[in-house]
Amino acid sequence: MERLSADAERLRAQGVILGRAEGSALVSAEAISFWGDVDPATGRIVNPRHPLHGERLGGRVLVLPQGRGSCTTSNILLELIRTHQAPAAIVSLSVEPVLAVGPLVGEALYGRSIPMVTVAADAYARLRTGDWLVVDATAGEVARRPSDAKV
């Protein structure tokens, strides 16, 4: 795992699905409907109308305002966990129950989950695609190193 320097920006978060993960941020200004927007076998965003069309979720920290859709969201997230194509973590402004159920079931079935946090709007606005994020849902923190910062 990559280490952040002691001077990394630390943002307060509220843990939804506990755990810790890190990765390169993939930031969406639009909600994602996992059913129809994401291929569960590859983790690629396949909806040609979505701004992140063609991007892969696997191993990245997905930052989105909220999920969109029905109970199938849980199924797609569970399949992403099973196929090892899931985001490393999810950072959001709000989390509806269907977004959280998939990772909870993934932990029970596969021993793998997706740490998930919510952040305030001002913290959300600071996150950019390519930033290195350490999401610690247990501690209630997202640590950020901007993509243009030196290691």
N, C-alpha and C. Protein backbone atom coordinates (compact mmCIF):
# COMPACT_ATOMS: atom_id res chain seq x y z
N MET A 1 0.83 -1.19 0.00
CA MET A 1 0.00 0.00 0.00
C MET A 1 0.87 1.25 0.00
N GLU A 2 0.43 2.21 -0.75
CA GLU A 2 1.14 3.47 -0.83
C GLU A 2 0.93 4.25 0.47
N ARG A 3 1.96 4.93 0.90
CA ARG A 3 1.88 5.73 2.13
C ARG A 3 1.72 7.20 1.77
N LEU A 4 0.91 7.89 2.53
CA LEU A 4 0.77 9.33 2.37
C LEU A 4 1.67 10.01 3.38
N SER A 5 2.22 11.13 3.00
CA SER A 5 3.05 11.88 3.93
C SER A 5 2.19 12.43 5.05
N ALA A 6 2.85 12.81 6.13
CA ALA A 6 2.14 13.33 7.30
C ALA A 6 1.37 14.60 6.97
N ASP A 7 1.76 15.32 5.92
CA ASP A 7 1.08 16.56 5.58
C ASP A 7 -0.05 16.37 4.56
N ALA A 8 -0.46 15.12 4.31
CA ALA A 8 -1.58 14.87 3.41
C ALA A 8 -2.83 15.56 3.97
N GLU A 9 -3.67 16.04 3.09
CA GLU A 9 -4.91 16.67 3.52
C GLU A 9 -5.85 15.60 4.09
N ARG A 10 -6.40 15.87 5.25
CA ARG A 10 -7.28 14.92 5.92
C ARG A 10 -8.70 15.50 5.96
N LEU A 11 -9.64 14.74 5.43
CA LEU A 11 -11.03 15.17 5.35
C LEU A 11 -11.89 14.31 6.27
N ARG A 12 -12.78 14.94 6.99
CA ARG A 12 -13.67 14.18 7.87
C ARG A 12 -14.68 13.41 7.04
N ALA A 13 -15.00 12.21 7.51
CA ALA A 13 -15.96 11.35 6.82
C ALA A 13 -16.79 10.61 7.85
N GLN A 14 -17.90 10.09 7.40
CA GLN A 14 -18.76 9.25 8.23
C GLN A 14 -18.72 7.84 7.66
N GLY A 15 -18.25 6.89 8.44
CA GLY A 15 -18.17 5.52 7.98
C GLY A 15 -19.55 4.91 7.79
N VAL A 16 -19.74 4.24 6.66
CA VAL A 16 -20.99 3.53 6.36
C VAL A 16 -20.72 2.02 6.36
N ILE A 17 -19.73 1.61 5.59
CA ILE A 17 -19.24 0.23 5.60
C ILE A 17 -17.80 0.33 6.10
N LEU A 18 -17.53 -0.22 7.27
CA LEU A 18 -16.23 -0.05 7.90
C LEU A 18 -15.13 -0.77 7.13
N GLY A 19 -13.92 -0.27 7.29
CA GLY A 19 -12.75 -0.83 6.63
C GLY A 19 -11.84 0.28 6.17
N ARG A 20 -10.73 -0.12 5.56
CA ARG A 20 -9.73 0.82 5.07
C ARG A 20 -9.25 0.36 3.72
N ALA A 21 -9.15 1.29 2.79
CA ALA A 21 -8.64 0.98 1.45
C ALA A 21 -8.05 2.25 0.87
N GLU A 22 -7.25 2.07 -0.15
CA GLU A 22 -6.67 3.23 -0.82
C GLU A 22 -6.54 2.96 -2.30
N GLY A 23 -6.43 4.05 -3.04
CA GLY A 23 -6.29 3.94 -4.47
C GLY A 23 -6.44 5.29 -5.14
N SER A 24 -6.29 5.27 -6.44
CA SER A 24 -6.46 6.46 -7.25
C SER A 24 -7.94 6.79 -7.36
N ALA A 25 -8.28 8.06 -7.18
CA ALA A 25 -9.68 8.48 -7.21
C ALA A 25 -10.22 8.50 -8.63
N LEU A 26 -11.46 8.07 -8.76
CA LEU A 26 -12.25 8.22 -9.99
C LEU A 26 -13.49 8.99 -9.58
N VAL A 27 -13.56 10.27 -9.97
CA VAL A 27 -14.61 11.17 -9.49
C VAL A 27 -15.67 11.35 -10.57
N SER A 28 -16.91 11.15 -10.17
CA SER A 28 -18.05 11.35 -11.05
C SER A 28 -18.90 12.48 -10.52
N ALA A 29 -19.24 13.42 -11.37
CA ALA A 29 -20.15 14.50 -10.99
C ALA A 29 -21.59 14.01 -11.03
N GLU A 30 -21.82 12.87 -11.69
CA GLU A 30 -23.16 12.30 -11.82
C GLU A 30 -23.28 11.00 -11.05
N ALA A 31 -24.49 10.72 -10.61
CA ALA A 31 -24.77 9.44 -9.97
C ALA A 31 -24.50 8.30 -10.95
N ILE A 32 -24.28 7.12 -10.42
CA ILE A 32 -24.08 5.93 -11.24
C ILE A 32 -25.16 4.93 -10.90
N SER A 33 -25.81 4.43 -11.94
CA SER A 33 -26.74 3.31 -11.78
C SER A 33 -25.92 2.06 -12.10
N PHE A 34 -25.60 1.30 -11.09
CA PHE A 34 -24.76 0.14 -11.34
C PHE A 34 -25.44 -0.81 -12.31
N TRP A 35 -26.78 -0.90 -12.26
CA TRP A 35 -27.52 -1.71 -13.21
C TRP A 35 -27.66 -0.92 -14.50
N GLY A 36 -26.94 -1.32 -15.51
CA GLY A 36 -27.00 -0.65 -16.80
C GLY A 36 -25.81 0.26 -17.09
N ASP A 37 -25.22 0.83 -16.05
CA ASP A 37 -24.06 1.70 -16.26
C ASP A 37 -22.74 0.94 -16.14
N VAL A 38 -22.72 -0.18 -15.40
CA VAL A 38 -21.47 -0.89 -15.11
C VAL A 38 -21.57 -2.35 -15.54
N ASP A 39 -20.54 -2.81 -16.25
CA ASP A 39 -20.44 -4.23 -16.61
C ASP A 39 -19.86 -4.97 -15.40
N PRO A 40 -20.62 -5.87 -14.78
CA PRO A 40 -20.14 -6.53 -13.57
C PRO A 40 -18.97 -7.49 -13.81
N ALA A 41 -18.78 -7.93 -15.03
CA ALA A 41 -17.67 -8.84 -15.32
C ALA A 41 -16.34 -8.12 -15.44
N THR A 42 -16.39 -6.86 -15.90
CA THR A 42 -15.15 -6.12 -16.15
C THR A 42 -14.97 -4.91 -15.25
N GLY A 43 -16.05 -4.45 -14.63
CA GLY A 43 -16.00 -3.24 -13.82
C GLY A 43 -15.91 -1.97 -14.64
N ARG A 44 -16.16 -2.08 -15.92
CA ARG A 44 -16.09 -0.92 -16.83
C ARG A 44 -17.46 -0.22 -16.88
N ILE A 45 -17.43 1.11 -16.92
CA ILE A 45 -18.66 1.88 -17.10
C ILE A 45 -19.01 1.82 -18.58
N VAL A 46 -20.15 1.21 -18.88
CA VAL A 46 -20.52 0.91 -20.26
C VAL A 46 -21.61 1.81 -20.82
N ASN A 47 -22.22 2.63 -20.00
CA ASN A 47 -23.26 3.54 -20.48
C ASN A 47 -22.59 4.65 -21.29
N PRO A 48 -22.83 4.71 -22.60
CA PRO A 48 -22.15 5.73 -23.42
C PRO A 48 -22.56 7.16 -23.08
N ARG A 49 -23.66 7.34 -22.36
CA ARG A 49 -24.10 8.69 -21.97
C ARG A 49 -23.53 9.14 -20.63
N HIS A 50 -22.86 8.24 -19.92
CA HIS A 50 -22.27 8.63 -18.64
C HIS A 50 -20.91 9.27 -18.89
N PRO A 51 -20.58 10.37 -18.17
CA PRO A 51 -19.30 11.06 -18.38
C PRO A 51 -18.07 10.17 -18.15
N LEU A 52 -18.20 9.10 -17.38
CA LEU A 52 -17.06 8.22 -17.13
C LEU A 52 -17.07 6.98 -18.03
N HIS A 53 -17.82 7.04 -19.12
CA HIS A 53 -17.91 5.90 -20.04
C HIS A 53 -16.50 5.40 -20.39
N GLY A 54 -16.32 4.08 -20.27
CA GLY A 54 -15.04 3.45 -20.61
C GLY A 54 -14.09 3.30 -19.44
N GLU A 55 -14.32 4.01 -18.34
CA GLU A 55 -13.44 3.91 -17.17
C GLU A 55 -13.71 2.60 -16.43
N ARG A 56 -12.67 2.07 -15.80
CA ARG A 56 -12.79 0.88 -14.97
C ARG A 56 -12.82 1.28 -13.50
N LEU A 57 -13.65 0.57 -12.73
CA LEU A 57 -13.79 0.85 -11.30
C LEU A 57 -12.79 0.07 -10.46
N GLY A 58 -12.38 -1.10 -10.92
CA GLY A 58 -11.57 -2.02 -10.13
C GLY A 58 -10.34 -1.38 -9.50
N GLY A 59 -10.25 -1.49 -8.17
CA GLY A 59 -9.08 -1.01 -7.44
C GLY A 59 -9.01 0.49 -7.24
N ARG A 60 -9.95 1.23 -7.77
CA ARG A 60 -9.95 2.68 -7.62
C ARG A 60 -10.91 3.09 -6.52
N VAL A 61 -10.75 4.31 -6.04
CA VAL A 61 -11.70 4.85 -5.07
C VAL A 61 -12.74 5.63 -5.86
N LEU A 62 -13.94 5.11 -5.89
CA LEU A 62 -15.03 5.73 -6.62
C LEU A 62 -15.63 6.84 -5.77
N VAL A 63 -15.66 8.04 -6.34
CA VAL A 63 -16.22 9.22 -5.67
C VAL A 63 -17.43 9.65 -6.49
N LEU A 64 -18.61 9.61 -5.88
CA LEU A 64 -19.81 9.96 -6.61
C LEU A 64 -20.80 10.62 -5.67
N PRO A 65 -21.69 11.46 -6.22
CA PRO A 65 -22.63 12.14 -5.33
C PRO A 65 -23.55 11.14 -4.61
N GLN A 66 -24.04 10.14 -5.33
CA GLN A 66 -24.85 9.08 -4.76
C GLN A 66 -25.04 8.02 -5.84
N GLY A 67 -25.53 6.87 -5.42
CA GLY A 67 -25.89 5.86 -6.39
C GLY A 67 -27.24 6.20 -6.99
N ARG A 68 -27.62 5.46 -8.01
CA ARG A 68 -28.91 5.68 -8.64
C ARG A 68 -29.46 4.30 -9.03
N GLY A 69 -30.69 4.06 -8.70
CA GLY A 69 -31.25 2.80 -9.15
C GLY A 69 -31.99 2.05 -8.07
N SER A 70 -32.18 0.79 -8.36
CA SER A 70 -33.02 -0.06 -7.52
C SER A 70 -32.17 -1.09 -6.79
N CYS A 71 -32.83 -2.14 -6.34
CA CYS A 71 -32.14 -3.19 -5.60
C CYS A 71 -31.11 -3.92 -6.44
N THR A 72 -31.15 -3.78 -7.74
CA THR A 72 -30.13 -4.42 -8.58
C THR A 72 -28.76 -3.82 -8.34
N THR A 73 -28.69 -2.61 -7.81
CA THR A 73 -27.41 -2.01 -7.46
C THR A 73 -26.63 -2.93 -6.52
N SER A 74 -27.31 -3.46 -5.52
CA SER A 74 -26.67 -4.38 -4.58
C SER A 74 -26.12 -5.60 -5.29
N ASN A 75 -26.90 -6.15 -6.22
CA ASN A 75 -26.47 -7.33 -6.96
C ASN A 75 -25.23 -7.05 -7.80
N ILE A 76 -25.21 -5.92 -8.47
CA ILE A 76 -24.06 -5.58 -9.32
C ILE A 76 -22.82 -5.36 -8.45
N LEU A 77 -22.96 -4.65 -7.33
CA LEU A 77 -21.81 -4.47 -6.44
C LEU A 77 -21.31 -5.80 -5.90
N LEU A 78 -22.21 -6.68 -5.56
CA LEU A 78 -21.82 -8.02 -5.09
C LEU A 78 -21.07 -8.78 -6.18
N GLU A 79 -21.54 -8.69 -7.41
CA GLU A 79 -20.85 -9.36 -8.52
C GLU A 79 -19.48 -8.74 -8.77
N LEU A 80 -19.37 -7.43 -8.64
CA LEU A 80 -18.06 -6.77 -8.79
C LEU A 80 -17.09 -7.25 -7.71
N ILE A 81 -17.58 -7.46 -6.51
CA ILE A 81 -16.74 -7.99 -5.44
C ILE A 81 -16.31 -9.41 -5.79
N ARG A 82 -17.26 -10.23 -6.25
CA ARG A 82 -16.95 -11.62 -6.58
C ARG A 82 -15.91 -11.73 -7.69
N THR A 83 -16.00 -10.86 -8.70
CA THR A 83 -15.09 -10.92 -9.84
C THR A 83 -13.82 -10.10 -9.65
N HIS A 84 -13.63 -9.55 -8.46
CA HIS A 84 -12.45 -8.72 -8.15
C HIS A 84 -12.37 -7.48 -9.05
N GLN A 85 -13.52 -6.95 -9.43
CA GLN A 85 -13.58 -5.74 -10.27
C GLN A 85 -14.18 -4.57 -9.51
N ALA A 86 -14.37 -4.72 -8.21
CA ALA A 86 -15.03 -3.69 -7.40
C ALA A 86 -14.10 -2.51 -7.14
N PRO A 87 -14.70 -1.36 -6.87
CA PRO A 87 -13.89 -0.24 -6.41
C PRO A 87 -13.22 -0.62 -5.09
N ALA A 88 -12.05 -0.05 -4.83
CA ALA A 88 -11.36 -0.28 -3.56
C ALA A 88 -12.18 0.30 -2.41
N ALA A 89 -12.83 1.44 -2.67
CA ALA A 89 -13.66 2.12 -1.67
C ALA A 89 -14.62 3.02 -2.42
N ILE A 90 -15.65 3.47 -1.71
CA ILE A 90 -16.61 4.42 -2.27
C ILE A 90 -16.74 5.60 -1.32
N VAL A 91 -16.63 6.80 -1.88
CA VAL A 91 -16.82 8.06 -1.15
C VAL A 91 -18.01 8.74 -1.80
N SER A 92 -18.97 9.17 -0.99
CA SER A 92 -20.20 9.72 -1.54
C SER A 92 -20.73 10.82 -0.63
N LEU A 93 -21.64 11.61 -1.20
CA LEU A 93 -22.34 12.61 -0.39
C LEU A 93 -23.43 11.96 0.45
N SER A 94 -24.04 10.91 -0.10
CA SER A 94 -25.07 10.17 0.63
C SER A 94 -25.08 8.74 0.13
N VAL A 95 -25.49 7.84 1.00
CA VAL A 95 -25.54 6.42 0.66
C VAL A 95 -26.93 5.89 0.98
N GLU A 96 -27.62 5.45 -0.06
CA GLU A 96 -28.91 4.81 0.16
C GLU A 96 -28.67 3.33 0.49
N PRO A 97 -29.60 2.71 1.16
CA PRO A 97 -29.39 1.32 1.59
C PRO A 97 -28.99 0.36 0.48
N VAL A 98 -29.56 0.51 -0.73
CA VAL A 98 -29.21 -0.45 -1.80
C VAL A 98 -27.75 -0.37 -2.19
N LEU A 99 -27.11 0.76 -1.97
CA LEU A 99 -25.68 0.88 -2.27
C LEU A 99 -24.84 0.17 -1.22
N ALA A 100 -25.32 0.11 0.00
CA ALA A 100 -24.57 -0.50 1.09
C ALA A 100 -24.77 -2.01 1.21
N VAL A 101 -25.88 -2.53 0.73
CA VAL A 101 -26.17 -3.95 0.92
C VAL A 101 -25.18 -4.85 0.20
N GLY A 102 -24.80 -4.53 -1.03
CA GLY A 102 -23.86 -5.36 -1.79
C GLY A 102 -22.55 -5.61 -1.04
N PRO A 103 -21.89 -4.57 -0.55
CA PRO A 103 -20.67 -4.79 0.22
C PRO A 103 -20.88 -5.58 1.51
N LEU A 104 -22.01 -5.39 2.16
CA LEU A 104 -22.29 -6.16 3.38
C LEU A 104 -22.42 -7.65 3.06
N VAL A 105 -23.12 -7.98 2.00
CA VAL A 105 -23.28 -9.38 1.60
C VAL A 105 -21.95 -9.92 1.08
N GLY A 106 -21.17 -9.09 0.39
CA GLY A 106 -19.85 -9.50 -0.09
C GLY A 106 -18.94 -9.95 1.03
N GLU A 107 -19.01 -9.24 2.15
CA GLU A 107 -18.21 -9.63 3.32
C GLU A 107 -18.66 -10.99 3.84
N ALA A 108 -19.98 -11.20 3.89
CA ALA A 108 -20.50 -12.47 4.40
C ALA A 108 -20.19 -13.64 3.45
N LEU A 109 -20.31 -13.42 2.15
CA LEU A 109 -20.12 -14.52 1.19
C LEU A 109 -18.67 -14.75 0.80
N TYR A 110 -17.91 -13.68 0.60
CA TYR A 110 -16.57 -13.80 0.03
C TYR A 110 -15.46 -13.32 0.94
N GLY A 111 -15.81 -12.76 2.09
CA GLY A 111 -14.80 -12.23 2.99
C GLY A 111 -14.16 -10.96 2.45
N ARG A 112 -14.82 -10.31 1.50
CA ARG A 112 -14.33 -9.06 0.91
C ARG A 112 -15.48 -8.06 0.88
N SER A 113 -15.15 -6.81 1.09
CA SER A 113 -16.16 -5.78 1.10
C SER A 113 -15.62 -4.55 0.40
N ILE A 114 -16.36 -3.46 0.47
CA ILE A 114 -15.95 -2.17 -0.09
C ILE A 114 -16.15 -1.14 1.01
N PRO A 115 -15.08 -0.63 1.62
CA PRO A 115 -15.26 0.44 2.60
C PRO A 115 -16.02 1.60 1.95
N MET A 116 -16.93 2.18 2.72
CA MET A 116 -17.78 3.22 2.17
C MET A 116 -17.93 4.33 3.21
N VAL A 117 -17.78 5.57 2.75
CA VAL A 117 -17.96 6.73 3.63
C VAL A 117 -18.79 7.78 2.93
N THR A 118 -19.37 8.65 3.74
CA THR A 118 -19.97 9.87 3.22
C THR A 118 -19.13 11.04 3.70
N VAL A 119 -19.12 12.09 2.90
CA VAL A 119 -18.39 13.31 3.24
C VAL A 119 -19.30 14.51 3.00
N ALA A 120 -18.97 15.61 3.61
CA ALA A 120 -19.71 16.86 3.40
C ALA A 120 -19.41 17.41 2.01
N ALA A 121 -20.29 18.27 1.54
CA ALA A 121 -20.17 18.83 0.19
C ALA A 121 -18.84 19.55 -0.03
N ASP A 122 -18.34 20.27 0.97
CA ASP A 122 -17.07 20.99 0.78
C ASP A 122 -15.90 20.01 0.63
N ALA A 123 -15.91 18.90 1.34
CA ALA A 123 -14.86 17.89 1.18
C ALA A 123 -14.99 17.21 -0.18
N TYR A 124 -16.20 16.87 -0.56
CA TYR A 124 -16.46 16.24 -1.86
C TYR A 124 -15.91 17.11 -3.00
N ALA A 125 -16.11 18.41 -2.90
CA ALA A 125 -15.68 19.33 -3.96
C ALA A 125 -14.16 19.39 -4.10
N ARG A 126 -13.42 18.96 -3.10
CA ARG A 126 -11.95 19.00 -3.15
C ARG A 126 -11.35 17.80 -3.88
N LEU A 127 -12.12 16.74 -4.07
CA LEU A 127 -11.60 15.49 -4.62
C LEU A 127 -11.59 15.53 -6.15
N ARG A 128 -10.48 15.06 -6.72
CA ARG A 128 -10.29 15.07 -8.17
C ARG A 128 -9.84 13.69 -8.65
N THR A 129 -10.25 13.35 -9.85
CA THR A 129 -9.76 12.11 -10.46
C THR A 129 -8.24 12.14 -10.49
N GLY A 130 -7.65 11.05 -10.07
CA GLY A 130 -6.19 10.93 -10.03
C GLY A 130 -5.59 11.21 -8.67
N ASP A 131 -6.32 11.89 -7.78
CA ASP A 131 -5.82 12.06 -6.41
C ASP A 131 -5.61 10.68 -5.80
N TRP A 132 -4.61 10.54 -4.94
CA TRP A 132 -4.44 9.30 -4.18
C TRP A 132 -5.22 9.45 -2.89
N LEU A 133 -6.17 8.54 -2.65
CA LEU A 133 -7.01 8.63 -1.47
C LEU A 133 -6.82 7.41 -0.58
N VAL A 134 -6.77 7.66 0.71
CA VAL A 134 -6.81 6.60 1.72
C VAL A 134 -8.12 6.79 2.46
N VAL A 135 -9.01 5.83 2.30
CA VAL A 135 -10.33 5.89 2.92
C VAL A 135 -10.30 5.00 4.15
N ASP A 136 -10.49 5.61 5.30
CA ASP A 136 -10.55 4.85 6.54
C ASP A 136 -11.93 5.08 7.15
N ALA A 137 -12.85 4.18 6.82
CA ALA A 137 -14.23 4.32 7.27
C ALA A 137 -14.34 4.09 8.76
N THR A 138 -13.44 3.31 9.32
CA THR A 138 -13.47 3.03 10.75
C THR A 138 -13.10 4.28 11.54
N ALA A 139 -12.08 5.00 11.07
CA ALA A 139 -11.63 6.22 11.74
C ALA A 139 -12.43 7.45 11.32
N GLY A 140 -13.21 7.33 10.24
CA GLY A 140 -13.98 8.48 9.76
C GLY A 140 -13.12 9.53 9.10
N GLU A 141 -12.29 9.07 8.14
CA GLU A 141 -11.35 10.00 7.50
C GLU A 141 -11.06 9.57 6.07
N VAL A 142 -10.87 10.57 5.22
CA VAL A 142 -10.33 10.38 3.88
C VAL A 142 -9.08 11.24 3.80
N ALA A 143 -7.93 10.59 3.61
CA ALA A 143 -6.68 11.33 3.44
C ALA A 143 -6.43 11.46 1.94
N ARG A 144 -5.96 12.64 1.53
CA ARG A 144 -5.85 12.96 0.12
C ARG A 144 -4.48 13.52 -0.22
N ARG A 145 -3.88 12.95 -1.28
CA ARG A 145 -2.70 13.56 -1.88
C ARG A 145 -3.10 13.92 -3.30
N PRO A 146 -3.11 15.21 -3.64
CA PRO A 146 -3.50 15.62 -4.98
C PRO A 146 -2.64 14.95 -6.04
N SER A 147 -3.20 14.73 -7.21
CA SER A 147 -2.49 14.04 -8.29
C SER A 147 -1.24 14.81 -8.73
N ASP A 148 -1.20 16.11 -8.51
CA ASP A 148 -0.02 16.88 -8.92
C ASP A 148 1.00 17.05 -7.80
N ALA A 149 0.76 16.42 -6.64
CA ALA A 149 1.71 16.51 -5.52
C ALA A 149 2.87 15.57 -5.72
N LYS A 150 4.03 15.95 -5.23
CA LYS A 150 5.21 15.09 -5.32
C LYS A 150 5.16 14.06 -4.22
N VAL A 151 5.64 12.87 -4.53
CA VAL A 151 5.65 11.78 -3.56
C VAL A 151 6.75 11.95 -2.57
